[in-house]
Amino acid sequence: MVIEMVPVAAEDKTVLGNLVQLHQYDFSDVRGYDVTPHGTFVYRFLDHYFTEDDREACVVIIDGTLAGFSMTRGLDDGVRRVSEFFVLRRHRRLGAGRTAARLMFRRHPGPWTLAFDHANHSAARFWPGVVASAADGPIRCEDRHPPDVGYSGSWLRFRISASDEESQHLTLR
């Protein structure tokens, strides 16, 4: 299985928007999202990924087929944050998400942060292991709870070293 991370061009914004709808649907049982009267979920940051230089959206391609996306952004302190990460259910639990996440991290060596909702049990199982296998050095984990934040979750901070391999795709066997 060949997995690639391909930056989303402005002309493919609707493709990303469609994938975001699937992500929001998956997340609706965790956060209680409802659809609008138009039958869609609200995601107010999509345009920012095409107008702000510090943001990057990539699609996940598996064996030539669209299979998910990542959205990351640079923070003022130089840390890169995972804003959204999604792999279609058909490709989950096969190692594709783990590989795609590693490719996402490789795109921006340096300090990273990500957060996951404690109610999102899949993410709580996925991210600690992925980060542990990709990080160079210690991983700082902090649990936060309301009223300090909007939801109970874990925040991970870690560093990704520059890779000798500049490849934007990996083969998963």
N, C-alpha and C. Protein backbone atom coordinates (compact mmCIF):
# COMPACT_ATOMS: atom_id res chain seq x y z
N MET A 1 0.86 -1.17 0.00
CA MET A 1 0.00 0.00 0.00
C MET A 1 0.90 1.23 0.00
N VAL A 2 0.69 2.14 -0.97
CA VAL A 2 1.46 3.37 -1.06
C VAL A 2 0.60 4.51 -0.52
N ILE A 3 1.14 5.24 0.44
CA ILE A 3 0.41 6.33 1.09
C ILE A 3 1.15 7.63 0.82
N GLU A 4 0.40 8.64 0.39
CA GLU A 4 0.98 9.94 0.06
C GLU A 4 0.21 11.04 0.79
N MET A 5 0.92 12.13 1.08
CA MET A 5 0.32 13.37 1.59
C MET A 5 0.55 14.42 0.51
N VAL A 6 -0.53 14.93 -0.05
CA VAL A 6 -0.43 15.87 -1.16
C VAL A 6 -1.09 17.19 -0.75
N PRO A 7 -0.36 18.30 -0.79
CA PRO A 7 -0.96 19.60 -0.45
C PRO A 7 -2.19 19.88 -1.31
N VAL A 8 -3.20 20.47 -0.69
CA VAL A 8 -4.44 20.80 -1.39
C VAL A 8 -4.28 22.16 -2.07
N ALA A 9 -4.47 22.17 -3.38
CA ALA A 9 -4.42 23.41 -4.15
C ALA A 9 -5.75 24.14 -4.01
N ALA A 10 -5.73 25.44 -4.20
CA ALA A 10 -6.94 26.25 -4.06
C ALA A 10 -8.08 25.73 -4.93
N GLU A 11 -7.77 25.24 -6.11
CA GLU A 11 -8.84 24.74 -6.99
C GLU A 11 -9.47 23.44 -6.48
N ASP A 12 -8.86 22.81 -5.49
CA ASP A 12 -9.41 21.59 -4.89
C ASP A 12 -10.01 21.83 -3.51
N LYS A 13 -10.29 23.09 -3.21
CA LYS A 13 -10.88 23.43 -1.90
C LYS A 13 -12.20 22.69 -1.67
N THR A 14 -13.02 22.51 -2.70
CA THR A 14 -14.29 21.81 -2.50
C THR A 14 -14.08 20.34 -2.14
N VAL A 15 -13.03 19.74 -2.67
CA VAL A 15 -12.72 18.35 -2.31
C VAL A 15 -12.41 18.28 -0.82
N LEU A 16 -11.57 19.18 -0.34
CA LEU A 16 -11.26 19.23 1.09
C LEU A 16 -12.53 19.51 1.89
N GLY A 17 -13.35 20.44 1.43
CA GLY A 17 -14.59 20.75 2.13
C GLY A 17 -15.50 19.53 2.23
N ASN A 18 -15.56 18.71 1.19
CA ASN A 18 -16.36 17.49 1.24
C ASN A 18 -15.81 16.51 2.27
N LEU A 19 -14.50 16.36 2.31
CA LEU A 19 -13.88 15.47 3.30
C LEU A 19 -14.10 15.99 4.72
N VAL A 20 -14.04 17.30 4.90
CA VAL A 20 -14.29 17.89 6.21
C VAL A 20 -15.71 17.54 6.68
N GLN A 21 -16.66 17.50 5.77
CA GLN A 21 -18.03 17.12 6.15
C GLN A 21 -18.06 15.70 6.71
N LEU A 22 -17.32 14.78 6.11
CA LEU A 22 -17.25 13.41 6.62
C LEU A 22 -16.60 13.37 8.00
N HIS A 23 -15.57 14.15 8.18
CA HIS A 23 -14.90 14.25 9.48
C HIS A 23 -15.86 14.79 10.53
N GLN A 24 -16.56 15.86 10.20
CA GLN A 24 -17.51 16.45 11.14
C GLN A 24 -18.62 15.46 11.48
N TYR A 25 -19.05 14.68 10.51
CA TYR A 25 -20.05 13.66 10.77
C TYR A 25 -19.52 12.64 11.77
N ASP A 26 -18.31 12.14 11.53
CA ASP A 26 -17.69 11.19 12.46
C ASP A 26 -17.58 11.78 13.86
N PHE A 27 -17.30 13.06 13.93
CA PHE A 27 -17.08 13.75 15.21
C PHE A 27 -18.38 14.18 15.87
N SER A 28 -19.49 14.09 15.15
CA SER A 28 -20.76 14.61 15.68
C SER A 28 -21.22 13.86 16.93
N ASP A 29 -20.90 12.58 17.04
CA ASP A 29 -21.32 11.87 18.26
C ASP A 29 -20.41 12.18 19.45
N VAL A 30 -19.20 12.69 19.19
CA VAL A 30 -18.29 13.07 20.28
C VAL A 30 -18.63 14.46 20.81
N ARG A 31 -18.87 15.40 19.90
CA ARG A 31 -19.10 16.78 20.29
C ARG A 31 -20.55 17.23 20.20
N GLY A 32 -21.44 16.35 19.74
CA GLY A 32 -22.85 16.71 19.66
C GLY A 32 -23.17 17.67 18.54
N TYR A 33 -22.41 17.62 17.44
CA TYR A 33 -22.67 18.50 16.30
C TYR A 33 -23.97 18.11 15.63
N ASP A 34 -24.72 19.10 15.20
CA ASP A 34 -25.90 18.91 14.38
C ASP A 34 -25.65 19.55 13.02
N VAL A 35 -26.43 19.14 12.04
CA VAL A 35 -26.31 19.74 10.71
C VAL A 35 -27.15 21.01 10.66
N THR A 36 -26.80 21.86 9.70
CA THR A 36 -27.55 23.09 9.44
C THR A 36 -28.85 22.73 8.73
N PRO A 37 -29.74 23.68 8.54
CA PRO A 37 -30.95 23.41 7.75
C PRO A 37 -30.64 22.97 6.31
N HIS A 38 -29.42 23.19 5.85
CA HIS A 38 -29.00 22.76 4.51
C HIS A 38 -28.46 21.33 4.51
N GLY A 39 -28.42 20.70 5.68
CA GLY A 39 -27.93 19.33 5.77
C GLY A 39 -26.43 19.20 5.79
N THR A 40 -25.72 20.26 6.17
CA THR A 40 -24.27 20.23 6.24
C THR A 40 -23.81 20.63 7.64
N PHE A 41 -22.59 20.28 7.93
CA PHE A 41 -21.97 20.68 9.20
C PHE A 41 -21.22 21.99 8.98
N VAL A 42 -21.13 22.79 10.03
CA VAL A 42 -20.39 24.04 9.98
C VAL A 42 -18.92 23.75 10.30
N TYR A 43 -18.04 24.25 9.45
CA TYR A 43 -16.60 24.25 9.74
C TYR A 43 -16.09 25.61 9.29
N ARG A 44 -15.88 26.47 10.25
CA ARG A 44 -15.62 27.88 9.93
C ARG A 44 -14.19 28.22 9.54
N PHE A 45 -13.28 27.26 9.56
CA PHE A 45 -11.88 27.56 9.30
C PHE A 45 -11.39 27.14 7.91
N LEU A 46 -12.24 26.54 7.10
CA LEU A 46 -11.80 26.02 5.80
C LEU A 46 -11.11 27.10 4.96
N ASP A 47 -11.72 28.25 4.82
CA ASP A 47 -11.13 29.31 3.99
C ASP A 47 -9.75 29.74 4.48
N HIS A 48 -9.53 29.67 5.77
CA HIS A 48 -8.24 30.09 6.34
C HIS A 48 -7.07 29.28 5.75
N TYR A 49 -7.34 28.03 5.37
CA TYR A 49 -6.28 27.18 4.83
C TYR A 49 -5.86 27.58 3.42
N PHE A 50 -6.59 28.51 2.84
CA PHE A 50 -6.27 28.98 1.49
C PHE A 50 -5.92 30.46 1.47
N THR A 51 -5.95 31.10 2.65
CA THR A 51 -5.64 32.53 2.72
C THR A 51 -4.52 32.86 3.71
N GLU A 52 -4.16 31.94 4.58
CA GLU A 52 -3.13 32.19 5.59
C GLU A 52 -1.91 31.32 5.34
N ASP A 53 -0.76 31.95 5.28
CA ASP A 53 0.48 31.24 4.95
C ASP A 53 0.91 30.20 5.98
N ASP A 54 0.51 30.36 7.23
CA ASP A 54 0.97 29.45 8.27
C ASP A 54 0.11 28.18 8.37
N ARG A 55 -0.87 28.03 7.49
CA ARG A 55 -1.74 26.85 7.50
C ARG A 55 -1.46 25.98 6.29
N GLU A 56 -1.64 24.67 6.50
CA GLU A 56 -1.43 23.72 5.40
C GLU A 56 -2.49 22.62 5.48
N ALA A 57 -3.11 22.35 4.35
CA ALA A 57 -4.03 21.23 4.22
C ALA A 57 -3.47 20.26 3.19
N CYS A 58 -3.50 18.99 3.53
CA CYS A 58 -3.05 17.95 2.61
C CYS A 58 -4.11 16.87 2.53
N VAL A 59 -4.22 16.23 1.38
CA VAL A 59 -5.07 15.05 1.29
C VAL A 59 -4.19 13.81 1.44
N VAL A 60 -4.79 12.78 2.01
CA VAL A 60 -4.15 11.48 2.12
C VAL A 60 -4.60 10.67 0.91
N ILE A 61 -3.62 10.16 0.17
CA ILE A 61 -3.89 9.33 -1.00
C ILE A 61 -3.33 7.94 -0.69
N ILE A 62 -4.17 6.93 -0.82
CA ILE A 62 -3.74 5.55 -0.60
C ILE A 62 -3.94 4.79 -1.91
N ASP A 63 -2.83 4.30 -2.43
CA ASP A 63 -2.85 3.57 -3.71
C ASP A 63 -3.63 4.33 -4.78
N GLY A 64 -3.41 5.64 -4.84
CA GLY A 64 -4.02 6.47 -5.85
C GLY A 64 -5.45 6.91 -5.56
N THR A 65 -5.99 6.55 -4.40
CA THR A 65 -7.37 6.87 -4.05
C THR A 65 -7.41 7.84 -2.88
N LEU A 66 -8.26 8.84 -2.98
CA LEU A 66 -8.47 9.80 -1.90
C LEU A 66 -8.95 9.06 -0.65
N ALA A 67 -8.26 9.29 0.48
CA ALA A 67 -8.57 8.50 1.68
C ALA A 67 -8.62 9.32 2.96
N GLY A 68 -8.38 10.63 2.92
CA GLY A 68 -8.43 11.42 4.13
C GLY A 68 -7.73 12.75 3.94
N PHE A 69 -7.45 13.41 5.05
CA PHE A 69 -6.78 14.71 4.99
C PHE A 69 -6.13 15.04 6.33
N SER A 70 -5.23 16.02 6.26
CA SER A 70 -4.67 16.62 7.48
C SER A 70 -4.73 18.13 7.31
N MET A 71 -4.89 18.82 8.43
CA MET A 71 -4.85 20.28 8.44
C MET A 71 -3.98 20.67 9.62
N THR A 72 -2.93 21.44 9.33
CA THR A 72 -2.02 21.88 10.39
C THR A 72 -1.82 23.39 10.26
N ARG A 73 -1.33 23.97 11.35
CA ARG A 73 -1.05 25.41 11.31
C ARG A 73 0.13 25.73 12.22
N GLY A 74 0.84 26.76 11.86
CA GLY A 74 1.93 27.24 12.67
C GLY A 74 1.42 28.19 13.73
N LEU A 75 1.92 28.05 14.94
CA LEU A 75 1.55 28.94 16.04
C LEU A 75 2.61 30.03 16.19
N ASP A 76 2.28 31.07 16.91
CA ASP A 76 3.19 32.21 17.08
C ASP A 76 4.52 31.82 17.72
N ASP A 77 4.53 30.77 18.54
CA ASP A 77 5.77 30.37 19.22
C ASP A 77 6.62 29.40 18.40
N GLY A 78 6.28 29.19 17.12
CA GLY A 78 7.06 28.32 16.25
C GLY A 78 6.65 26.86 16.29
N VAL A 79 5.66 26.53 17.10
CA VAL A 79 5.16 25.16 17.21
C VAL A 79 4.15 24.93 16.09
N ARG A 80 4.14 23.73 15.53
CA ARG A 80 3.15 23.34 14.52
C ARG A 80 2.05 22.56 15.24
N ARG A 81 0.80 22.89 14.93
CA ARG A 81 -0.34 22.24 15.59
C ARG A 81 -1.15 21.43 14.58
N VAL A 82 -1.53 20.23 14.99
CA VAL A 82 -2.47 19.44 14.20
C VAL A 82 -3.86 19.99 14.51
N SER A 83 -4.48 20.57 13.50
CA SER A 83 -5.83 21.11 13.68
C SER A 83 -6.88 20.03 13.43
N GLU A 84 -6.72 19.31 12.34
CA GLU A 84 -7.65 18.24 11.97
C GLU A 84 -6.86 17.12 11.31
N PHE A 85 -7.31 15.90 11.55
CA PHE A 85 -6.70 14.73 10.90
C PHE A 85 -7.81 13.71 10.72
N PHE A 86 -7.92 13.18 9.51
CA PHE A 86 -9.03 12.28 9.21
C PHE A 86 -8.63 11.25 8.17
N VAL A 87 -8.97 10.01 8.44
CA VAL A 87 -8.80 8.91 7.49
C VAL A 87 -10.15 8.21 7.38
N LEU A 88 -10.59 7.97 6.16
CA LEU A 88 -11.86 7.28 5.95
C LEU A 88 -11.89 5.95 6.69
N ARG A 89 -13.03 5.60 7.21
CA ARG A 89 -13.18 4.37 8.01
C ARG A 89 -12.65 3.14 7.29
N ARG A 90 -12.86 3.06 6.00
CA ARG A 90 -12.41 1.89 5.23
C ARG A 90 -10.91 1.63 5.38
N HIS A 91 -10.14 2.68 5.65
CA HIS A 91 -8.68 2.56 5.71
C HIS A 91 -8.15 2.52 7.15
N ARG A 92 -9.02 2.58 8.13
CA ARG A 92 -8.57 2.61 9.52
C ARG A 92 -8.19 1.22 10.00
N ARG A 93 -7.34 1.21 11.00
CA ARG A 93 -6.86 0.00 11.66
C ARG A 93 -6.05 -0.92 10.74
N LEU A 94 -5.51 -0.31 9.67
CA LEU A 94 -4.65 -1.04 8.74
C LEU A 94 -3.24 -0.46 8.72
N GLY A 95 -3.00 0.55 9.56
CA GLY A 95 -1.71 1.22 9.60
C GLY A 95 -1.64 2.45 8.71
N ALA A 96 -2.69 2.70 7.94
CA ALA A 96 -2.67 3.84 7.02
C ALA A 96 -2.66 5.17 7.77
N GLY A 97 -3.46 5.29 8.82
CA GLY A 97 -3.49 6.53 9.60
C GLY A 97 -2.16 6.82 10.25
N ARG A 98 -1.54 5.79 10.81
CA ARG A 98 -0.23 5.94 11.45
C ARG A 98 0.80 6.43 10.42
N THR A 99 0.80 5.84 9.25
CA THR A 99 1.74 6.23 8.21
C THR A 99 1.46 7.65 7.73
N ALA A 100 0.19 7.97 7.51
CA ALA A 100 -0.17 9.31 7.07
C ALA A 100 0.23 10.36 8.11
N ALA A 101 0.05 10.05 9.39
CA ALA A 101 0.44 10.99 10.45
C ALA A 101 1.95 11.22 10.44
N ARG A 102 2.71 10.17 10.25
CA ARG A 102 4.17 10.32 10.19
C ARG A 102 4.58 11.18 9.00
N LEU A 103 3.91 11.00 7.87
CA LEU A 103 4.19 11.85 6.70
C LEU A 103 3.83 13.30 6.98
N MET A 104 2.72 13.51 7.67
CA MET A 104 2.30 14.87 8.04
C MET A 104 3.39 15.52 8.91
N PHE A 105 3.86 14.80 9.92
CA PHE A 105 4.89 15.35 10.81
C PHE A 105 6.18 15.66 10.05
N ARG A 106 6.57 14.78 9.14
CA ARG A 106 7.81 14.96 8.37
C ARG A 106 7.82 16.23 7.54
N ARG A 107 6.65 16.70 7.17
CA ARG A 107 6.57 17.89 6.33
C ARG A 107 7.10 19.13 7.05
N HIS A 108 7.08 19.11 8.39
CA HIS A 108 7.49 20.27 9.18
C HIS A 108 8.29 19.82 10.41
N PRO A 109 9.56 19.48 10.23
CA PRO A 109 10.37 19.10 11.39
C PRO A 109 10.40 20.23 12.41
N GLY A 110 10.48 19.85 13.67
CA GLY A 110 10.51 20.83 14.75
C GLY A 110 9.47 20.51 15.80
N PRO A 111 9.12 21.50 16.61
CA PRO A 111 8.16 21.26 17.69
C PRO A 111 6.72 21.17 17.17
N TRP A 112 5.95 20.26 17.75
CA TRP A 112 4.56 20.01 17.39
C TRP A 112 3.69 19.95 18.64
N THR A 113 2.41 20.17 18.43
CA THR A 113 1.41 19.94 19.47
C THR A 113 0.14 19.42 18.82
N LEU A 114 -0.56 18.62 19.56
CA LEU A 114 -1.88 18.17 19.13
C LEU A 114 -2.71 17.89 20.36
N ALA A 115 -4.01 17.95 20.17
CA ALA A 115 -4.94 17.69 21.28
C ALA A 115 -5.99 16.70 20.80
N PHE A 116 -6.45 15.88 21.73
CA PHE A 116 -7.58 15.01 21.40
C PHE A 116 -8.54 14.98 22.57
N ASP A 117 -9.78 14.87 22.22
CA ASP A 117 -10.90 14.87 23.15
C ASP A 117 -10.95 13.52 23.87
N HIS A 118 -11.06 13.53 25.19
CA HIS A 118 -11.16 12.27 25.93
C HIS A 118 -12.36 11.44 25.50
N ALA A 119 -13.43 12.08 25.04
CA ALA A 119 -14.62 11.36 24.59
C ALA A 119 -14.42 10.71 23.21
N ASN A 120 -13.35 11.08 22.52
CA ASN A 120 -13.03 10.48 21.22
C ASN A 120 -12.10 9.29 21.50
N HIS A 121 -12.69 8.16 21.80
CA HIS A 121 -11.91 7.00 22.23
C HIS A 121 -10.94 6.50 21.16
N SER A 122 -11.32 6.62 19.90
CA SER A 122 -10.42 6.21 18.82
C SER A 122 -9.16 7.06 18.81
N ALA A 123 -9.33 8.38 18.95
CA ALA A 123 -8.17 9.27 18.98
C ALA A 123 -7.32 9.03 20.22
N ALA A 124 -7.96 8.76 21.34
CA ALA A 124 -7.22 8.50 22.59
C ALA A 124 -6.38 7.23 22.48
N ARG A 125 -6.82 6.27 21.68
CA ARG A 125 -6.01 5.06 21.44
C ARG A 125 -4.95 5.31 20.38
N PHE A 126 -5.26 6.14 19.39
CA PHE A 126 -4.39 6.34 18.24
C PHE A 126 -3.19 7.25 18.51
N TRP A 127 -3.45 8.48 18.97
CA TRP A 127 -2.40 9.50 19.00
C TRP A 127 -1.23 9.21 19.94
N PRO A 128 -1.41 8.72 21.16
CA PRO A 128 -0.22 8.50 22.01
C PRO A 128 0.79 7.55 21.38
N GLY A 129 0.33 6.47 20.77
CA GLY A 129 1.25 5.53 20.14
C GLY A 129 1.92 6.09 18.91
N VAL A 130 1.16 6.82 18.11
CA VAL A 130 1.72 7.42 16.90
C VAL A 130 2.80 8.44 17.26
N VAL A 131 2.49 9.29 18.22
CA VAL A 131 3.46 10.30 18.64
C VAL A 131 4.70 9.64 19.25
N ALA A 132 4.50 8.62 20.07
CA ALA A 132 5.64 7.93 20.68
C ALA A 132 6.56 7.33 19.62
N SER A 133 5.99 6.84 18.52
CA SER A 133 6.82 6.23 17.48
C SER A 133 7.49 7.26 16.57
N ALA A 134 6.96 8.48 16.54
CA ALA A 134 7.49 9.50 15.62
C ALA A 134 8.37 10.54 16.30
N ALA A 135 8.13 10.79 17.57
CA ALA A 135 8.81 11.90 18.27
C ALA A 135 10.28 11.60 18.51
N ASP A 136 11.05 12.68 18.49
CA ASP A 136 12.46 12.60 18.84
C ASP A 136 12.61 13.26 20.20
N GLY A 137 12.75 12.45 21.23
CA GLY A 137 12.88 12.99 22.58
C GLY A 137 11.61 12.86 23.38
N PRO A 138 11.56 13.59 24.48
CA PRO A 138 10.43 13.45 25.40
C PRO A 138 9.12 14.00 24.81
N ILE A 139 8.03 13.44 25.31
CA ILE A 139 6.69 13.88 24.95
C ILE A 139 6.04 14.41 26.21
N ARG A 140 5.57 15.64 26.13
CA ARG A 140 4.87 16.21 27.29
C ARG A 140 3.37 16.05 27.07
N CYS A 141 2.71 15.45 28.04
CA CYS A 141 1.28 15.24 27.97
C CYS A 141 0.62 15.99 29.12
N GLU A 142 -0.40 16.75 28.79
CA GLU A 142 -1.13 17.50 29.80
C GLU A 142 -2.62 17.28 29.59
N ASP A 143 -3.29 16.83 30.63
CA ASP A 143 -4.75 16.71 30.56
C ASP A 143 -5.36 18.03 31.01
N ARG A 144 -6.37 18.46 30.28
CA ARG A 144 -7.07 19.70 30.61
C ARG A 144 -8.57 19.42 30.67
N HIS A 145 -9.25 20.17 31.51
CA HIS A 145 -10.68 19.95 31.73
C HIS A 145 -11.40 21.28 31.85
N PRO A 146 -12.72 21.28 31.51
CA PRO A 146 -13.51 22.50 31.73
C PRO A 146 -13.46 22.87 33.21
N PRO A 147 -13.48 24.10 33.56
CA PRO A 147 -13.80 25.26 32.73
C PRO A 147 -12.59 25.88 32.05
N ASP A 148 -11.38 25.29 32.23
CA ASP A 148 -10.18 25.87 31.62
C ASP A 148 -10.19 25.75 30.09
N VAL A 149 -10.84 24.72 29.58
CA VAL A 149 -10.97 24.49 28.14
C VAL A 149 -12.41 24.06 27.85
N GLY A 150 -12.76 23.99 26.59
CA GLY A 150 -14.13 23.67 26.21
C GLY A 150 -14.51 22.21 26.38
N TYR A 151 -13.51 21.32 26.43
CA TYR A 151 -13.79 19.89 26.56
C TYR A 151 -12.61 19.23 27.26
N SER A 152 -12.86 18.09 27.90
CA SER A 152 -11.78 17.34 28.54
C SER A 152 -10.94 16.67 27.46
N GLY A 153 -9.65 16.89 27.55
CA GLY A 153 -8.78 16.31 26.53
C GLY A 153 -7.34 16.25 26.98
N SER A 154 -6.53 15.66 26.12
CA SER A 154 -5.09 15.56 26.35
C SER A 154 -4.38 16.38 25.28
N TRP A 155 -3.37 17.12 25.71
CA TRP A 155 -2.53 17.92 24.82
C TRP A 155 -1.14 17.32 24.85
N LEU A 156 -0.62 16.99 23.69
CA LEU A 156 0.72 16.42 23.56
C LEU A 156 1.63 17.45 22.90
N ARG A 157 2.84 17.58 23.45
CA ARG A 157 3.88 18.44 22.85
C ARG A 157 5.10 17.56 22.64
N PHE A 158 5.71 17.68 21.46
CA PHE A 158 6.82 16.80 21.09
C PHE A 158 7.60 17.43 19.95
N ARG A 159 8.70 16.80 19.59
CA ARG A 159 9.57 17.31 18.53
C ARG A 159 9.74 16.22 17.47
N ILE A 160 9.76 16.67 16.23
CA ILE A 160 10.02 15.79 15.09
C ILE A 160 11.34 16.23 14.48
N SER A 161 12.26 15.28 14.34
CA SER A 161 13.56 15.59 13.74
C SER A 161 13.44 15.63 12.23
N ALA A 162 14.34 16.38 11.61
CA ALA A 162 14.41 16.40 10.16
C ALA A 162 14.75 15.00 9.68
N SER A 163 14.07 14.55 8.66
CA SER A 163 14.28 13.21 8.14
C SER A 163 15.28 13.25 7.00
N ASP A 164 16.11 12.21 6.93
CA ASP A 164 17.02 12.09 5.80
C ASP A 164 16.24 11.83 4.52
N GLU A 165 15.09 11.17 4.66
CA GLU A 165 14.26 10.84 3.50
C GLU A 165 13.30 12.00 3.25
N GLU A 166 13.39 12.60 2.08
CA GLU A 166 12.54 13.74 1.73
C GLU A 166 11.25 13.30 1.08
N SER A 167 11.00 12.01 1.04
CA SER A 167 9.84 11.46 0.36
C SER A 167 8.54 11.93 1.01
N GLN A 168 7.53 12.18 0.18
CA GLN A 168 6.20 12.54 0.68
C GLN A 168 5.25 11.35 0.55
N HIS A 169 5.81 10.17 0.32
CA HIS A 169 4.98 8.97 0.30
C HIS A 169 5.76 7.83 0.93
N LEU A 170 5.03 6.90 1.48
CA LEU A 170 5.63 5.71 2.06
C LEU A 170 4.87 4.49 1.57
N THR A 171 5.56 3.38 1.52
CA THR A 171 4.91 2.13 1.19
C THR A 171 4.70 1.37 2.48
N LEU A 172 3.47 0.98 2.73
CA LEU A 172 3.10 0.21 3.92
C LEU A 172 2.92 -1.22 3.51
N ARG A 173 3.64 -2.09 4.13
CA ARG A 173 3.54 -3.53 3.79
C ARG A 173 2.91 -4.29 4.92
